[in-house]
Amino acid sequence: MWPNDLRVLYVTAHSFPEGIQKAIDELYKKVPLSDKRTLMGISRAENNGSITYRAAFKEIENGEAQKLNLDSAVLKKGEYIYEEISNFRNNMSKIGQTFEELLMHPTIDQEGYCIEVYDAEKESVRCLVRIVT
């Protein structure tokens, strides 16, 4: 359960999956570091079915994206299905495989995002997809 809408600020990758790391690096350059920030990846099929990937952080103050001249999006509250991947750096392909499995759920929110929430301390990533109940 995601209890509230979550506004994120982001940098869009110029290509997928090749441009992901560049987008993450650009995000870290543009946004002040804080222990309140958690790296996220949000993606979905757009533009004739191609995947658009965005490296994102939760906004920690209202209007932060605008102040930093970044785009923003709202991740909707609601029910999410998820899987956590440990030691993901040694098996990056597991992220894509996990989303392929999650997207098979019969009540996926077709307007939602595939969301990655990274936990640097645990070296894990949680892969989430919103469902409609």
Protein backbone atom coordinates (compact mmCIF):
# COMPACT_ATOMS: atom_id res chain seq x y z
CA MET A 1 0.00 0.00 0.00
CA TRP A 2 1.31 3.42 -1.01
CA PRO A 3 -0.67 5.68 1.37
CA ASN A 4 -0.26 9.10 -0.33
CA ASP A 5 0.48 10.55 -3.73
CA LEU A 6 4.23 11.10 -4.07
CA ARG A 7 5.67 13.95 -6.12
CA VAL A 8 9.08 13.22 -7.62
CA LEU A 9 11.54 15.33 -9.56
CA TYR A 10 13.45 13.64 -12.34
CA VAL A 11 15.88 13.58 -15.25
CA THR A 12 14.80 11.65 -18.34
CA ALA A 13 17.23 9.20 -19.92
CA HIS A 14 17.87 9.95 -23.60
CA SER A 15 17.73 6.22 -24.38
CA PHE A 16 16.72 2.99 -22.66
CA PRO A 17 18.49 1.12 -21.22
CA GLU A 18 21.77 2.65 -22.41
CA GLY A 19 21.06 6.14 -21.02
CA ILE A 20 20.03 5.14 -17.50
CA GLN A 21 23.38 5.74 -15.78
CA LYS A 22 23.85 9.11 -17.49
CA ALA A 23 20.41 10.22 -16.28
CA ILE A 24 21.24 9.11 -12.73
CA ASP A 25 24.57 10.97 -12.84
CA GLU A 26 22.84 14.11 -14.11
CA LEU A 27 20.21 13.90 -11.36
CA TYR A 28 22.91 13.68 -8.68
CA LYS A 29 24.65 16.74 -10.18
CA LYS A 30 21.48 18.84 -10.21
CA VAL A 31 19.91 17.94 -6.87
CA PRO A 32 21.44 18.71 -3.46
CA LEU A 33 22.27 15.52 -1.58
CA SER A 34 20.29 14.75 1.54
CA ASP A 35 19.81 11.71 3.74
CA LYS A 36 16.09 12.22 3.04
CA ARG A 37 16.60 11.31 -0.62
CA THR A 38 16.18 7.84 -2.07
CA LEU A 39 17.08 7.12 -5.66
CA MET A 40 14.16 5.91 -7.73
CA GLY A 41 13.70 4.89 -11.32
CA ILE A 42 10.33 5.36 -12.96
CA SER A 43 9.56 4.02 -16.39
CA ARG A 44 6.73 3.09 -18.71
CA ALA A 45 5.98 2.57 -22.36
CA GLU A 46 5.42 5.91 -24.11
CA ASN A 47 6.02 7.33 -27.59
CA ASN A 48 4.81 4.45 -29.76
CA GLY A 49 5.56 1.82 -27.14
CA SER A 50 9.21 2.62 -26.45
CA ILE A 51 10.30 2.71 -22.79
CA THR A 52 10.90 6.12 -21.22
CA TYR A 53 13.09 5.97 -18.11
CA ARG A 54 13.39 8.73 -15.52
CA ALA A 55 15.93 8.86 -12.69
CA ALA A 56 14.04 10.40 -9.78
CA PHE A 57 14.08 11.64 -6.19
CA LYS A 58 11.10 12.38 -3.97
CA GLU A 59 10.55 16.13 -3.61
CA ILE A 60 11.41 17.07 -0.05
CA GLU A 61 9.83 20.52 -0.28
CA ASN A 62 6.92 21.84 -2.36
CA GLY A 63 8.00 23.33 -5.66
CA GLU A 64 11.50 21.89 -5.45
CA ALA A 65 11.47 20.57 -9.03
CA GLN A 66 10.61 24.01 -10.38
CA LYS A 67 13.33 25.67 -8.26
CA LEU A 68 15.89 23.21 -9.61
CA ASN A 69 14.55 23.52 -13.18
CA LEU A 70 13.60 19.83 -13.31
CA ASP A 71 10.50 18.02 -14.45
CA SER A 72 8.20 16.36 -11.95
CA ALA A 73 5.61 13.61 -11.82
CA VAL A 74 3.13 12.25 -9.30
CA LEU A 75 3.24 8.60 -8.31
CA LYS A 76 -0.33 7.75 -7.33
CA LYS A 77 -1.28 6.37 -3.96
CA GLY A 78 -2.87 2.96 -3.93
CA GLU A 79 -2.12 -0.74 -4.02
CA TYR A 80 1.21 -1.87 -5.47
CA ILE A 81 2.60 -5.30 -6.08
CA TYR A 82 6.34 -5.61 -5.66
CA GLU A 83 9.40 -7.77 -5.43
CA GLU A 84 12.66 -6.92 -3.71
CA ILE A 85 15.93 -7.85 -5.39
CA SER A 86 19.00 -8.26 -3.18
CA ASN A 87 22.51 -7.66 -4.49
CA PHE A 88 21.01 -6.22 -7.69
CA ARG A 89 24.33 -4.78 -8.95
CA ASN A 90 25.54 -8.31 -9.66
CA ASN A 91 22.38 -9.17 -11.58
CA MET A 92 21.03 -6.04 -13.30
CA SER A 93 19.01 -8.11 -15.79
CA LYS A 94 16.90 -9.35 -12.85
CA ILE A 95 15.24 -5.91 -12.68
CA GLY A 96 13.82 -6.18 -16.19
CA GLN A 97 12.79 -9.79 -15.65
CA THR A 98 11.02 -8.84 -12.42
CA PHE A 99 9.03 -6.09 -14.13
CA GLU A 100 8.07 -8.46 -16.94
CA GLU A 101 6.62 -10.80 -14.30
CA LEU A 102 4.88 -8.02 -12.34
CA LEU A 103 3.31 -6.62 -15.50
CA MET A 104 1.53 -9.94 -16.07
CA HIS A 105 -0.81 -9.13 -13.16
CA PRO A 106 -4.40 -8.89 -14.48
CA THR A 107 -5.26 -5.53 -12.86
CA ILE A 108 -2.20 -3.40 -13.67
CA ASP A 109 -2.82 0.36 -13.74
CA GLN A 110 -2.24 1.01 -17.46
CA GLU A 111 -1.41 4.67 -16.72
CA GLY A 112 1.01 3.82 -13.90
CA TYR A 113 4.78 3.49 -13.79
CA CYS A 114 7.22 0.70 -13.16
CA ILE A 115 8.97 2.03 -10.06
CA GLU A 116 12.39 1.08 -8.73
CA VAL A 117 13.24 2.18 -5.17
CA TYR A 118 16.91 1.71 -4.34
CA ASP A 119 18.26 0.98 -0.86
CA ALA A 120 22.00 1.67 -0.94
CA GLU A 121 22.58 0.32 2.57
CA LYS A 122 21.01 -3.05 1.82
CA GLU A 123 22.25 -3.14 -1.80
CA SER A 124 18.70 -3.90 -2.84
CA VAL A 125 16.04 -2.53 -5.13
CA ARG A 126 12.30 -2.86 -4.72
CA CYS A 127 10.40 -3.14 -8.01
CA LEU A 128 6.79 -1.94 -7.79
CA VAL A 129 3.81 -1.72 -10.12
CA ARG A 130 0.46 -0.12 -9.23
CA ILE A 131 -2.64 -2.27 -9.52
CA VAL A 132 -6.27 -1.19 -9.71
CA THR A 133 -8.48 -2.74 -7.05
